[in-house]
Amino acid sequence: MQYRTLGANGPRVSAIGLGCMGMSAFYGAHDDSTSIKTLHYALDQGVTLLDTADMYGLIPMKG
C-alpha cells in the first residue's frame, strides 16, 4: 500500500481510501456482518483512510 501525507503537516494515510457511507442505513437496508468484513479486509490491506462523512453538498460553498 502506498501512503501520502495530507496537507503540509497532516496525517500519513493510505493512497486508497474506503467510502463507508454505504455501510449505514442511508441507502436502505444494509448488512452489518458484510460491513464489518469489508472494514477488516480494508484494514488488513493497509487502508487507513476511512471516509465516514454522512453527506456532502448540503451547504452551499462560499467563494
C-alpha atoms as a PDB file:
ATOM      1  CA  MET A   1       0.000   0.000   0.000  1.00  0.00           C
ATOM      2  CA  GLN A   2       1.233   3.475  -0.795  1.00  0.00           C
ATOM      3  CA  TYR A   3       0.795   6.254   1.740  1.00  0.00           C
ATOM      4  CA  ARG A   4       0.619  10.028   1.434  1.00  0.00           C
ATOM      5  CA  THR A   5       0.662  12.947   3.823  1.00  0.00           C
ATOM      6  CA  LEU A   6      -2.492  15.069   3.852  1.00  0.00           C
ATOM      7  CA  GLY A   7      -1.579  18.740   3.565  1.00  0.00           C
ATOM      8  CA  ALA A   8       1.687  20.205   4.800  1.00  0.00           C
ATOM      9  CA  ASN A   9       1.533  18.697   8.291  1.00  0.00           C
ATOM     10  CA  GLY A  10      -1.390  16.321   8.107  1.00  0.00           C
ATOM     11  CA  PRO A  11      -1.562  12.642   8.968  1.00  0.00           C
ATOM     12  CA  ARG A  12       0.002   9.989   6.734  1.00  0.00           C
ATOM     13  CA  VAL A  13      -2.801   7.932   5.213  1.00  0.00           C
ATOM     14  CA  SER A  14      -3.214   5.241   2.592  1.00  0.00           C
ATOM     15  CA  ALA A  15      -3.400   6.415  -1.016  1.00  0.00           C
ATOM     16  CA  ILE A  16      -6.590   4.373  -1.364  1.00  0.00           C
ATOM     17  CA  GLY A  17      -9.490   5.131   0.941  1.00  0.00           C
ATOM     18  CA  LEU A  18     -12.690   3.303   1.764  1.00  0.00           C
ATOM     19  CA  GLY A  19     -16.009   5.123   1.494  1.00  0.00           C
ATOM     20  CA  CYS A  20     -18.187   3.928   4.351  1.00  0.00           C
ATOM     21  CA  MET A  21     -21.476   5.729   3.715  1.00  0.00           C
ATOM     22  CA  GLY A  22     -22.957   2.616   2.118  1.00  0.00           C
ATOM     23  CA  MET A  23     -22.424   0.801   5.397  1.00  0.00           C
ATOM     24  CA  SER A  24     -25.135   2.905   7.019  1.00  0.00           C
ATOM     25  CA  ALA A  25     -28.887   2.862   6.516  1.00  0.00           C
ATOM     26  CA  PHE A  26     -28.667   5.896   4.195  1.00  0.00           C
ATOM     27  CA  TYR A  27     -29.092   3.803   1.034  1.00  0.00           C
ATOM     28  CA  GLY A  28     -31.614   1.447   2.575  1.00  0.00           C
ATOM     29  CA  ALA A  29     -31.126  -1.961   4.137  1.00  0.00           C
ATOM     30  CA  HIS A  30     -27.549  -2.926   4.925  1.00  0.00           C
ATOM     31  CA  ASP A  31     -25.831  -5.945   6.403  1.00  0.00           C
ATOM     32  CA  ASP A  32     -23.662  -5.259   9.461  1.00  0.00           C
ATOM     33  CA  SER A  33     -21.780  -8.536   9.029  1.00  0.00           C
ATOM     34  CA  THR A  34     -20.739  -7.659   5.474  1.00  0.00           C
ATOM     35  CA  SER A  35     -19.775  -4.137   6.527  1.00  0.00           C
ATOM     36  CA  ILE A  36     -17.557  -5.457   9.316  1.00  0.00           C
ATOM     37  CA  LYS A  37     -15.914  -7.981   6.983  1.00  0.00           C
ATOM     38  CA  THR A  38     -15.274  -5.206   4.454  1.00  0.00           C
ATOM     39  CA  LEU A  39     -13.699  -2.979   7.105  1.00  0.00           C
ATOM     40  CA  HIS A  40     -11.461  -5.793   8.352  1.00  0.00           C
ATOM     41  CA  TYR A  41     -10.372  -6.632   4.805  1.00  0.00           C
ATOM     42  CA  ALA A  42      -9.538  -2.997   4.027  1.00  0.00           C
ATOM     43  CA  LEU A  43      -7.556  -2.632   7.261  1.00  0.00           C
ATOM     44  CA  ASP A  44      -5.706  -5.897   6.567  1.00  0.00           C
ATOM     45  CA  GLN A  45      -4.717  -4.495   3.153  1.00  0.00           C
ATOM     46  CA  GLY A  46      -3.259  -1.369   4.768  1.00  0.00           C
ATOM     47  CA  VAL A  47      -6.120   1.055   4.179  1.00  0.00           C
ATOM     48  CA  THR A  48      -6.035   3.770   6.833  1.00  0.00           C
ATOM     49  CA  LEU A  49      -8.253   6.395   5.174  1.00  0.00           C
ATOM     50  CA  LEU A  50     -11.884   5.707   6.070  1.00  0.00           C
ATOM     51  CA  ASP A  51     -14.360   8.254   4.724  1.00  0.00           C
ATOM     52  CA  THR A  52     -17.171   8.294   7.257  1.00  0.00           C
ATOM     53  CA  ALA A  53     -18.875  11.536   6.207  1.00  0.00           C
ATOM     54  CA  ASP A  54     -22.620  11.044   6.044  1.00  0.00           C
ATOM     55  CA  MET A  55     -23.438  13.740   3.458  1.00  0.00           C
ATOM     56  CA  TYR A  56     -21.822  16.150   1.054  1.00  0.00           C
ATOM     57  CA  GLY A  57     -23.172  19.227  -0.646  1.00  0.00           C
ATOM     58  CA  LEU A  58     -25.930  20.243   1.737  1.00  0.00           C
ATOM     59  CA  ILE A  59     -24.362  23.621   2.494  1.00  0.00           C
ATOM     60  CA  PRO A  60     -23.631  25.913  -0.467  1.00  0.00           C
ATOM     61  CA  MET A  61     -19.938  26.628  -0.960  1.00  0.00           C
ATOM     62  CA  LYS A  62     -18.790  30.123  -0.174  1.00  0.00           C
ATOM     63  CA  GLY A  63     -16.278  31.669  -2.564  1.00  0.00           C
END
